[in-house]
C-alpha atoms as a PDB file:
ATOM      1  CA  UNK A   1     109.606 -30.996  79.406  1.00  0.00           C
ATOM      2  CA  UNK A   2     110.288 -31.442  75.677  1.00  0.00           C
ATOM      3  CA  UNK A   3     113.927 -31.167  74.362  1.00  0.00           C
ATOM      4  CA  UNK A   4     115.134 -27.585  73.753  1.00  0.00           C
ATOM      5  CA  UNK A   5     115.161 -28.324  69.753  1.00  0.00           C
ATOM      6  CA  UNK A   6     111.404 -29.205  69.963  1.00  0.00           C
ATOM      7  CA  UNK A   7     110.601 -26.057  72.236  1.00  0.00           C
ATOM      8  CA  UNK A   8     112.512 -23.694  70.013  1.00  0.00           C
ATOM      9  CA  UNK A   9     111.728 -25.036  66.606  1.00  0.00           C
ATOM     10  CA  UNK A  10     110.623 -22.564  64.046  1.00  0.00           C
ATOM     11  CA  UNK A  11     111.535 -19.435  65.974  1.00  0.00           C
ATOM     12  CA  UNK A  12     112.149 -16.357  63.643  1.00  0.00           C
ATOM     13  CA  UNK A  13     111.604 -13.452  66.015  1.00  0.00           C
ATOM     14  CA  UNK A  14     112.531 -12.703  69.631  1.00  0.00           C
ATOM     15  CA  UNK A  15     110.885 -10.161  71.823  1.00  0.00           C
ATOM     16  CA  UNK A  16     113.231  -9.008  74.703  1.00  0.00           C
ATOM     17  CA  UNK A  17     112.123  -7.527  77.922  1.00  0.00           C
ATOM     18  CA  UNK A  18     114.308  -4.759  79.106  1.00  0.00           C
ATOM     19  CA  UNK A  19     114.445  -4.227  82.849  1.00  0.00           C
ATOM     20  CA  UNK A  20     115.547  -7.328  84.654  1.00  0.00           C
ATOM     21  CA  UNK A  21     116.789  -8.901  81.407  1.00  0.00           C
ATOM     22  CA  UNK A  22     119.111  -6.406  79.813  1.00  0.00           C
ATOM     23  CA  UNK A  23     119.790  -4.316  82.897  1.00  0.00           C
ATOM     24  CA  UNK A  24     118.786  -3.580  86.476  1.00  0.00           C
ATOM     25  CA  UNK A  25     117.798   0.260  86.958  1.00  0.00           C
ATOM     26  CA  UNK A  26     118.934   2.155  89.960  1.00  0.00           C
ATOM     27  CA  UNK A  27     121.216   5.064  91.179  1.00  0.00           C
ATOM     28  CA  UNK A  28     123.514   6.341  88.428  1.00  0.00           C
ATOM     29  CA  UNK A  29     121.518   4.726  85.637  1.00  0.00           C
ATOM     30  CA  UNK A  30     121.611   1.207  86.872  1.00  0.00           C
ATOM     31  CA  UNK A  31     123.962  -1.656  85.585  1.00  0.00           C
ATOM     32  CA  UNK A  32     123.848  -4.004  82.682  1.00  0.00           C
ATOM     33  CA  UNK A  33     123.181  -7.815  83.656  1.00  0.00           C
ATOM     34  CA  UNK A  34     126.504  -9.683  82.900  1.00  0.00           C
ATOM     35  CA  UNK A  35     126.642 -11.187  79.320  1.00  0.00           C
ATOM     36  CA  UNK A  36     123.641  -9.222  78.283  1.00  0.00           C
ATOM     37  CA  UNK A  37     125.397  -6.845  75.953  1.00  0.00           C
ATOM     38  CA  UNK A  38     127.050  -9.464  73.964  1.00  0.00           C
ATOM     39  CA  UNK A  39     123.844 -11.383  74.035  1.00  0.00           C
ATOM     40  CA  UNK A  40     122.079  -8.594  72.237  1.00  0.00           C
ATOM     41  CA  UNK A  41     124.848  -7.975  69.770  1.00  0.00           C
ATOM     42  CA  UNK A  42     124.811 -11.753  68.841  1.00  0.00           C
ATOM     43  CA  UNK A  43     121.102 -11.718  68.426  1.00  0.00           C
ATOM     44  CA  UNK A  44     121.335  -8.689  66.213  1.00  0.00           C
ATOM     45  CA  UNK A  45     124.063 -10.655  64.102  1.00  0.00           C
ATOM     46  CA  UNK A  46     121.904 -13.635  63.569  1.00  0.00           C
ATOM     47  CA  UNK A  47     118.865 -14.021  61.154  1.00  0.00           C
ATOM     48  CA  UNK A  48     116.458 -13.639  64.036  1.00  0.00           C
ATOM     49  CA  UNK A  49     114.375 -10.582  64.112  1.00  0.00           C
ATOM     50  CA  UNK A  50     114.599  -8.734  67.372  1.00  0.00           C
ATOM     51  CA  UNK A  51     112.189  -6.238  69.076  1.00  0.00           C
ATOM     52  CA  UNK A  52     112.494  -4.853  72.675  1.00  0.00           C
ATOM     53  CA  UNK A  53     109.233  -4.795  74.568  1.00  0.00           C
ATOM     54  CA  UNK A  54     109.183  -2.878  77.942  1.00  0.00           C
ATOM     55  CA  UNK A  55     106.701  -1.511  80.429  1.00  0.00           C
ATOM     56  CA  UNK A  56     109.069   1.258  81.560  1.00  0.00           C
ATOM     57  CA  UNK A  57     107.017   4.148  82.406  1.00  0.00           C
ATOM     58  CA  UNK A  58     109.199   6.465  84.623  1.00  0.00           C
ATOM     59  CA  UNK A  59     111.450   7.699  81.643  1.00  0.00           C
ATOM     60  CA  UNK A  60     110.728   8.597  77.940  1.00  0.00           C
ATOM     61  CA  UNK A  61     111.670   6.038  75.378  1.00  0.00           C
ATOM     62  CA  UNK A  62     114.558   8.209  74.052  1.00  0.00           C
ATOM     63  CA  UNK A  63     115.989   8.513  77.442  1.00  0.00           C
ATOM     64  CA  UNK A  64     115.888   4.736  78.103  1.00  0.00           C
ATOM     65  CA  UNK A  65     117.484   3.986  74.870  1.00  0.00           C
ATOM     66  CA  UNK A  66     120.137   6.571  75.525  1.00  0.00           C
ATOM     67  CA  UNK A  67     120.919   5.002  78.846  1.00  0.00           C
ATOM     68  CA  UNK A  68     121.047   1.553  77.385  1.00  0.00           C
ATOM     69  CA  UNK A  69     123.496   2.777  74.640  1.00  0.00           C
ATOM     70  CA  UNK A  70     125.652   4.197  77.322  1.00  0.00           C
ATOM     71  CA  UNK A  71     125.818   0.730  78.901  1.00  0.00           C
ATOM     72  CA  UNK A  72     126.833  -0.898  75.616  1.00  0.00           C
ATOM     73  CA  UNK A  73     123.745  -2.028  74.069  1.00  0.00           C
ATOM     74  CA  UNK A  74     123.177  -2.033  70.366  1.00  0.00           C
ATOM     75  CA  UNK A  75     119.633  -0.566  70.486  1.00  0.00           C
ATOM     76  CA  UNK A  76     117.669   2.425  68.789  1.00  0.00           C
ATOM     77  CA  UNK A  77     114.505   4.067  69.685  1.00  0.00           C
ATOM     78  CA  UNK A  78     112.595   2.706  66.624  1.00  0.00           C
ATOM     79  CA  UNK A  79     113.126  -0.904  67.864  1.00  0.00           C
ATOM     80  CA  UNK A  80     111.427  -0.275  71.410  1.00  0.00           C
ATOM     81  CA  UNK A  81     107.591  -1.050  71.989  1.00  0.00           C
ATOM     82  CA  UNK A  82     106.954   1.185  75.110  1.00  0.00           C
ATOM     83  CA  UNK A  83     103.723   1.983  76.724  1.00  0.00           C
ATOM     84  CA  UNK A  84     103.718   5.838  76.927  1.00  0.00           C
ATOM     85  CA  UNK A  85     103.640   6.387  73.100  1.00  0.00           C
ATOM     86  CA  UNK A  86     101.123   3.831  72.625  1.00  0.00           C
ATOM     87  CA  UNK A  87      98.843   5.412  75.323  1.00  0.00           C
ATOM     88  CA  UNK A  88      99.184   8.820  73.722  1.00  0.00           C
ATOM     89  CA  UNK A  89      97.987   7.211  70.583  1.00  0.00           C
ATOM     90  CA  UNK A  90      95.008   5.730  72.284  1.00  0.00           C
ATOM     91  CA  UNK A  91      94.176   9.038  73.991  1.00  0.00           C
ATOM     92  CA  UNK A  92      94.058  11.011  70.618  1.00  0.00           C
ATOM     93  CA  UNK A  93      92.063   8.437  68.891  1.00  0.00           C
ATOM     94  CA  UNK A  94      89.396   8.389  71.456  1.00  0.00           C
ATOM     95  CA  UNK A  95      89.339  12.064  72.417  1.00  0.00           C
ATOM     96  CA  UNK A  96      90.285  11.458  75.896  1.00  0.00           C
ATOM     97  CA  UNK A  97      91.867  14.143  78.131  1.00  0.00           C
ATOM     98  CA  UNK A  98      93.785  12.504  80.993  1.00  0.00           C
ATOM     99  CA  UNK A  99      94.267  13.348  84.514  1.00  0.00           C
ATOM    100  CA  UNK A 100      97.948  12.114  84.830  1.00  0.00           C
ATOM    101  CA  UNK A 101      99.234  10.197  87.717  1.00  0.00           C
ATOM    102  CA  UNK A 102     102.832   9.471  86.267  1.00  0.00           C
ATOM    103  CA  UNK A 103     106.344   9.950  87.077  1.00  0.00           C
ATOM    104  CA  UNK A 104     107.738  13.408  86.284  1.00  0.00           C
ATOM    105  CA  UNK A 105     110.493  11.721  84.176  1.00  0.00           C
ATOM    106  CA  UNK A 106     107.885  10.510  81.564  1.00  0.00           C
ATOM    107  CA  UNK A 107     105.602  13.741  81.505  1.00  0.00           C
ATOM    108  CA  UNK A 108     107.198  14.983  78.441  1.00  0.00           C
ATOM    109  CA  UNK A 109     105.818  12.057  76.510  1.00  0.00           C
ATOM    110  CA  UNK A 110     102.415  13.693  77.076  1.00  0.00           C
ATOM    111  CA  UNK A 111     103.331  17.382  76.200  1.00  0.00           C
ATOM    112  CA  UNK A 112     100.948  17.216  73.226  1.00  0.00           C
ATOM    113  CA  UNK A 113      98.170  15.818  74.892  1.00  0.00           C
ATOM    114  CA  UNK A 114      95.351  17.940  76.002  1.00  0.00           C
ATOM    115  CA  UNK A 115      94.823  17.534  79.854  1.00  0.00           C
ATOM    116  CA  UNK A 116      92.100  20.158  80.412  1.00  0.00           C
ATOM    117  CA  UNK A 117      88.683  19.101  81.971  1.00  0.00           C
ATOM    118  CA  UNK A 118      89.774  15.460  82.338  1.00  0.00           C
ATOM    119  CA  UNK A 119      87.585  12.617  81.253  1.00  0.00           C
ATOM    120  CA  UNK A 120      89.883   9.789  82.227  1.00  0.00           C
ATOM    121  CA  UNK A 121      92.799   8.899  84.441  1.00  0.00           C
ATOM    122  CA  UNK A 122      96.124   7.535  83.166  1.00  0.00           C
ATOM    123  CA  UNK A 123      98.385   5.885  85.893  1.00  0.00           C
ATOM    124  CA  UNK A 124     101.811   4.756  85.586  1.00  0.00           C
ATOM    125  CA  UNK A 125     104.738   4.066  87.732  1.00  0.00           C
ATOM    126  CA  UNK A 126     104.829   7.273  89.611  1.00  0.00           C
ATOM    127  CA  UNK A 127     107.366   6.277  92.184  1.00  0.00           C
ATOM    128  CA  UNK A 128     107.388   8.874  94.956  1.00  0.00           C
ATOM    129  CA  UNK A 129     104.578  10.534  93.250  1.00  0.00           C
ATOM    130  CA  UNK A 130     102.237   7.737  94.646  1.00  0.00           C
ATOM    131  CA  UNK A 131     101.255   9.910  97.541  1.00  0.00           C
ATOM    132  CA  UNK A 132      97.928   9.759  99.323  1.00  0.00           C
ATOM    133  CA  UNK A 133      97.091  13.219  97.955  1.00  0.00           C
ATOM    134  CA  UNK A 134      97.817  12.180  94.369  1.00  0.00           C
ATOM    135  CA  UNK A 135      96.146   8.786  94.642  1.00  0.00           C
ATOM    136  CA  UNK A 136      93.065  10.511  96.213  1.00  0.00           C
ATOM    137  CA  UNK A 137      92.943  13.283  93.458  1.00  0.00           C
ATOM    138  CA  UNK A 138      92.873  10.387  90.708  1.00  0.00           C
ATOM    139  CA  UNK A 139      90.044   8.770  92.875  1.00  0.00           C
ATOM    140  CA  UNK A 140      88.202  11.862  92.900  1.00  0.00           C
ATOM    141  CA  UNK A 141      88.474  12.405  89.078  1.00  0.00           C
ATOM    142  CA  UNK A 142      87.226   8.833  88.253  1.00  0.00           C
ATOM    143  CA  UNK A 143      84.290   9.183  90.700  1.00  0.00           C
ATOM    144  CA  UNK A 144      83.192  12.317  89.093  1.00  0.00           C
ATOM    145  CA  UNK A 145      82.836  10.896  85.705  1.00  0.00           C
ATOM    146  CA  UNK A 146      79.626   9.096  84.454  1.00  0.00           C
ATOM    147  CA  UNK A 147      81.618   6.726  82.497  1.00  0.00           C
ATOM    148  CA  UNK A 148      85.113   6.479  84.312  1.00  0.00           C
ATOM    149  CA  UNK A 149      88.060   5.316  82.171  1.00  0.00           C
ATOM    150  CA  UNK A 150      91.332   4.240  83.957  1.00  0.00           C
ATOM    151  CA  UNK A 151      94.309   3.544  81.597  1.00  0.00           C
ATOM    152  CA  UNK A 152      97.285   1.866  83.371  1.00  0.00           C
ATOM    153  CA  UNK A 153     100.764   1.643  81.798  1.00  0.00           C
ATOM    154  CA  UNK A 154     101.568  -1.853  82.660  1.00  0.00           C
ATOM    155  CA  UNK A 155     100.127  -3.829  85.702  1.00  0.00           C
ATOM    156  CA  UNK A 156     103.557  -5.129  87.113  1.00  0.00           C
ATOM    157  CA  UNK A 157     103.376  -5.965  90.772  1.00  0.00           C
ATOM    158  CA  UNK A 158     107.131  -5.043  91.381  1.00  0.00           C
ATOM    159  CA  UNK A 159     110.271  -4.723  89.695  1.00  0.00           C
ATOM    160  CA  UNK A 160     114.012  -5.012  90.433  1.00  0.00           C
ATOM    161  CA  UNK A 161     116.510  -2.293  91.000  1.00  0.00           C
ATOM    162  CA  UNK A 162     120.130  -2.473  92.072  1.00  0.00           C
ATOM    163  CA  UNK A 163     118.995  -1.479  95.590  1.00  0.00           C
ATOM    164  CA  UNK A 164     116.422  -4.388  95.633  1.00  0.00           C
ATOM    165  CA  UNK A 165     112.651  -4.894  94.745  1.00  0.00           C
ATOM    166  CA  UNK A 166     110.419  -2.039  94.088  1.00  0.00           C
ATOM    167  CA  UNK A 167     106.623  -1.691  94.160  1.00  0.00           C
ATOM    168  CA  UNK A 168     105.226  -1.264  90.683  1.00  0.00           C
ATOM    169  CA  UNK A 169     102.121   0.395  89.209  1.00  0.00           C
ATOM    170  CA  UNK A 170      99.836  -2.712  89.566  1.00  0.00           C
ATOM    171  CA  UNK A 171      99.272  -2.278  93.177  1.00  0.00           C
ATOM    172  CA  UNK A 172      98.020   1.286  92.733  1.00  0.00           C
ATOM    173  CA  UNK A 173      95.932   0.499  89.682  1.00  0.00           C
ATOM    174  CA  UNK A 174      94.251  -2.256  91.769  1.00  0.00           C
ATOM    175  CA  UNK A 175      93.469   0.212  94.690  1.00  0.00           C
ATOM    176  CA  UNK A 176      91.641   2.734  92.157  1.00  0.00           C
ATOM    177  CA  UNK A 177      89.901  -0.192  90.549  1.00  0.00           C
ATOM    178  CA  UNK A 178      88.630  -1.366  94.031  1.00  0.00           C
ATOM    179  CA  UNK A 179      87.780   2.066  95.226  1.00  0.00           C
ATOM    180  CA  UNK A 180      86.031   3.168  92.007  1.00  0.00           C
ATOM    181  CA  UNK A 181      84.499  -0.211  90.926  1.00  0.00           C
ATOM    182  CA  UNK A 182      86.132   0.111  87.524  1.00  0.00           C
ATOM    183  CA  UNK A 183      88.402  -2.069  85.582  1.00  0.00           C
ATOM    184  CA  UNK A 184      91.495  -0.626  84.223  1.00  0.00           C
ATOM    185  CA  UNK A 185      92.578  -0.795  80.525  1.00  0.00           C
ATOM    186  CA  UNK A 186      96.168  -2.000  80.428  1.00  0.00           C
ATOM    187  CA  UNK A 187      98.486  -0.541  77.859  1.00  0.00           C
ATOM    188  CA  UNK A 188     101.699  -2.710  78.110  1.00  0.00           C
ATOM    189  CA  UNK A 189     102.342  -6.214  79.092  1.00  0.00           C
ATOM    190  CA  UNK A 190     100.427  -8.468  79.510  1.00  0.00           C
ATOM    191  CA  UNK A 191      98.067  -6.826  77.097  1.00  0.00           C
ATOM    192  CA  UNK A 192      97.696  -8.892  73.964  1.00  0.00           C
ATOM    193  CA  UNK A 193      97.310  -5.801  71.770  1.00  0.00           C
ATOM    194  CA  UNK A 194     100.784  -4.540  73.227  1.00  0.00           C
ATOM    195  CA  UNK A 195     102.465  -7.884  72.157  1.00  0.00           C
ATOM    196  CA  UNK A 196     100.681  -7.822  68.830  1.00  0.00           C
ATOM    197  CA  UNK A 197     101.935  -4.416  67.994  1.00  0.00           C
ATOM    198  CA  UNK A 198     105.547  -5.515  68.823  1.00  0.00           C
ATOM    199  CA  UNK A 199     104.921  -8.553  66.594  1.00  0.00           C
ATOM    200  CA  UNK A 200     103.660  -6.381  63.724  1.00  0.00           C
ATOM    201  CA  UNK A 201     106.649  -4.266  63.831  1.00  0.00           C
ATOM    202  CA  UNK A 202     109.076  -7.068  62.979  1.00  0.00           C
ATOM    203  CA  UNK A 203     106.575  -8.902  60.690  1.00  0.00           C
ATOM    204  CA  UNK A 204     106.558 -12.096  62.610  1.00  0.00           C
ATOM    205  CA  UNK A 205     103.524 -14.276  63.533  1.00  0.00           C
ATOM    206  CA  UNK A 206     102.975 -15.208  67.213  1.00  0.00           C
ATOM    207  CA  UNK A 207     103.922 -18.912  66.620  1.00  0.00           C
ATOM    208  CA  UNK A 208     107.153 -17.860  65.218  1.00  0.00           C
ATOM    209  CA  UNK A 209     108.097 -15.667  68.069  1.00  0.00           C
ATOM    210  CA  UNK A 210     109.658 -16.332  71.531  1.00  0.00           C
ATOM    211  CA  UNK A 211     109.346 -13.804  74.638  1.00  0.00           C
ATOM    212  CA  UNK A 212     112.211 -13.490  77.027  1.00  0.00           C
ATOM    213  CA  UNK A 213     111.534 -11.935  80.229  1.00  0.00           C
ATOM    214  CA  UNK A 214     111.890 -11.867  84.102  1.00  0.00           C
ATOM    215  CA  UNK A 215     108.179 -11.666  84.853  1.00  0.00           C
ATOM    216  CA  UNK A 216     106.371 -15.031  84.968  1.00  0.00           C
ATOM    217  CA  UNK A 217     103.026 -13.280  84.682  1.00  0.00           C
ATOM    218  CA  UNK A 218     103.563 -10.213  82.631  1.00  0.00           C
ATOM    219  CA  UNK A 219     106.157 -11.459  80.379  1.00  0.00           C
ATOM    220  CA  UNK A 220     105.902 -15.274  80.158  1.00  0.00           C
ATOM    221  CA  UNK A 221     102.033 -15.617  80.694  1.00  0.00           C
ATOM    222  CA  UNK A 222     101.183 -12.611  78.763  1.00  0.00           C
ATOM    223  CA  UNK A 223     103.346 -13.934  75.746  1.00  0.00           C
ATOM    224  CA  UNK A 224     101.849 -17.389  75.901  1.00  0.00           C
ATOM    225  CA  UNK A 225      98.195 -16.142  75.782  1.00  0.00           C
ATOM    226  CA  UNK A 226      98.954 -14.522  72.442  1.00  0.00           C
ATOM    227  CA  UNK A 227     100.332 -17.787  70.987  1.00  0.00           C
ATOM    228  CA  UNK A 228     103.989 -17.137  71.653  1.00  0.00           C
ATOM    229  CA  UNK A 229     106.510 -19.280  73.325  1.00  0.00           C
ATOM    230  CA  UNK A 230     108.392 -17.728  76.454  1.00  0.00           C
ATOM    231  CA  UNK A 231     111.495 -18.159  78.371  1.00  0.00           C
ATOM    232  CA  UNK A 232     112.005 -16.767  81.907  1.00  0.00           C
ATOM    233  CA  UNK A 233     115.387 -15.671  82.833  1.00  0.00           C
ATOM    234  CA  UNK A 234     116.693 -16.153  86.550  1.00  0.00           C
ATOM    235  CA  UNK A 235     117.580 -12.254  86.772  1.00  0.00           C
ATOM    236  CA  UNK A 236     115.777  -9.344  87.572  1.00  0.00           C
ATOM    237  CA  UNK A 237     112.557  -9.922  89.576  1.00  0.00           C
ATOM    238  CA  UNK A 238     112.695 -13.653  89.204  1.00  0.00           C
ATOM    239  CA  UNK A 239     111.828 -15.631  92.156  1.00  0.00           C
ATOM    240  CA  UNK A 240     112.467 -19.489  92.596  1.00  0.00           C
ATOM    241  CA  UNK A 241     108.754 -19.890  93.398  1.00  0.00           C
ATOM    242  CA  UNK A 242     108.038 -18.597  89.817  1.00  0.00           C
ATOM    243  CA  UNK A 243     109.099 -21.978  88.478  1.00  0.00           C
ATOM    244  CA  UNK A 244     106.137 -23.534  90.432  1.00  0.00           C
ATOM    245  CA  UNK A 245     103.626 -20.878  89.663  1.00  0.00           C
ATOM    246  CA  UNK A 246     100.196 -22.222  89.808  1.00  0.00           C
ATOM    247  CA  UNK A 247      98.880 -20.840  86.371  1.00  0.00           C
ATOM    248  CA  UNK A 248     101.719 -20.178  84.167  1.00  0.00           C
ATOM    249  CA  UNK A 249     104.614 -22.574  83.184  1.00  0.00           C
ATOM    250  CA  UNK A 250     107.387 -21.081  81.033  1.00  0.00           C
ATOM    251  CA  UNK A 251     108.683 -22.968  78.009  1.00  0.00           C
ATOM    252  CA  UNK A 252     111.943 -23.034  79.521  1.00  0.00           C
ATOM    253  CA  UNK A 253     113.958 -21.363  82.405  1.00  0.00           C
ATOM    254  CA  UNK A 254     117.390 -19.936  81.741  1.00  0.00           C
ATOM    255  CA  UNK A 255     119.967 -18.472  84.081  1.00  0.00           C
ATOM    256  CA  UNK A 256     120.356 -15.264  81.968  1.00  0.00           C
ATOM    257  CA  UNK A 257     119.911 -13.701  78.595  1.00  0.00           C
ATOM    258  CA  UNK A 258     123.229 -15.000  77.465  1.00  0.00           C
ATOM    259  CA  UNK A 259     122.083 -18.592  78.021  1.00  0.00           C
ATOM    260  CA  UNK A 260     118.943 -18.046  76.181  1.00  0.00           C
ATOM    261  CA  UNK A 261     120.674 -16.643  73.154  1.00  0.00           C
ATOM    262  CA  UNK A 262     123.140 -19.485  73.235  1.00  0.00           C
ATOM    263  CA  UNK A 263     120.019 -21.902  72.997  1.00  0.00           C
ATOM    264  CA  UNK A 264     118.334 -20.183  70.495  1.00  0.00           C
ATOM    265  CA  UNK A 265     121.426 -19.657  68.115  1.00  0.00           C
ATOM    266  CA  UNK A 266     122.286 -23.452  68.726  1.00  0.00           C
ATOM    267  CA  UNK A 267     119.074 -24.729  67.501  1.00  0.00           C
ATOM    268  CA  UNK A 268     118.372 -22.058  64.810  1.00  0.00           C
ATOM    269  CA  UNK A 269     116.856 -23.802  61.671  1.00  0.00           C
ATOM    270  CA  UNK A 270     117.142 -27.195  63.238  1.00  0.00           C
END
């Protein structure tokens, strides 16, 4: 692998995943990953442009930001690219009326969306809401449509809470795809449009940006397909086997966000 100076040359912007990089969610709001609060503060003090890029779909963006602020992070709602607001924009633009299979915590994000006589299904990380009854209702709605549309807020396989690994929306999205013979439209990582919207928000081109995440496929692979570089942290959902993934190879592996920031700032403008 090339030297760090070569791998990090020309970086002007940083996209940061949240869950598993900044903090692990869980009971009582979760816990900050050691060193991550100061690492974000150091990035904010540097010339680098920073954007937070998350697939969080169990709580509204404002609530997520409030939680992170209470944990000590320097972050504001306007700095976060999240799938629920992006999905609402798509629904309005295309005149779609969703049947919502989502977590009650994020339902308020869709308060201004018409959900009468649904002509699509929106699925997110519904947690305990992924009952047979609720999955079957979403299946029935899709099967009754002449042109079924399934929109998924991310397609993660699993994520990490303080209590352990948790099954994510991707498994349930795949079940509906299989049963209905449809292909979901993904809003969130690893969708190229999602990454591009985050880059546009900070005015940085893909080749000038680096993604830091814990998901080898969604964060690292998705960013690299957009022309970005990507580092994987060994926190959150990281598994040692990720470093031998058959299809995705990160531009570097670091123990945590603090180490990633150390490397970035050490090689800034070099």
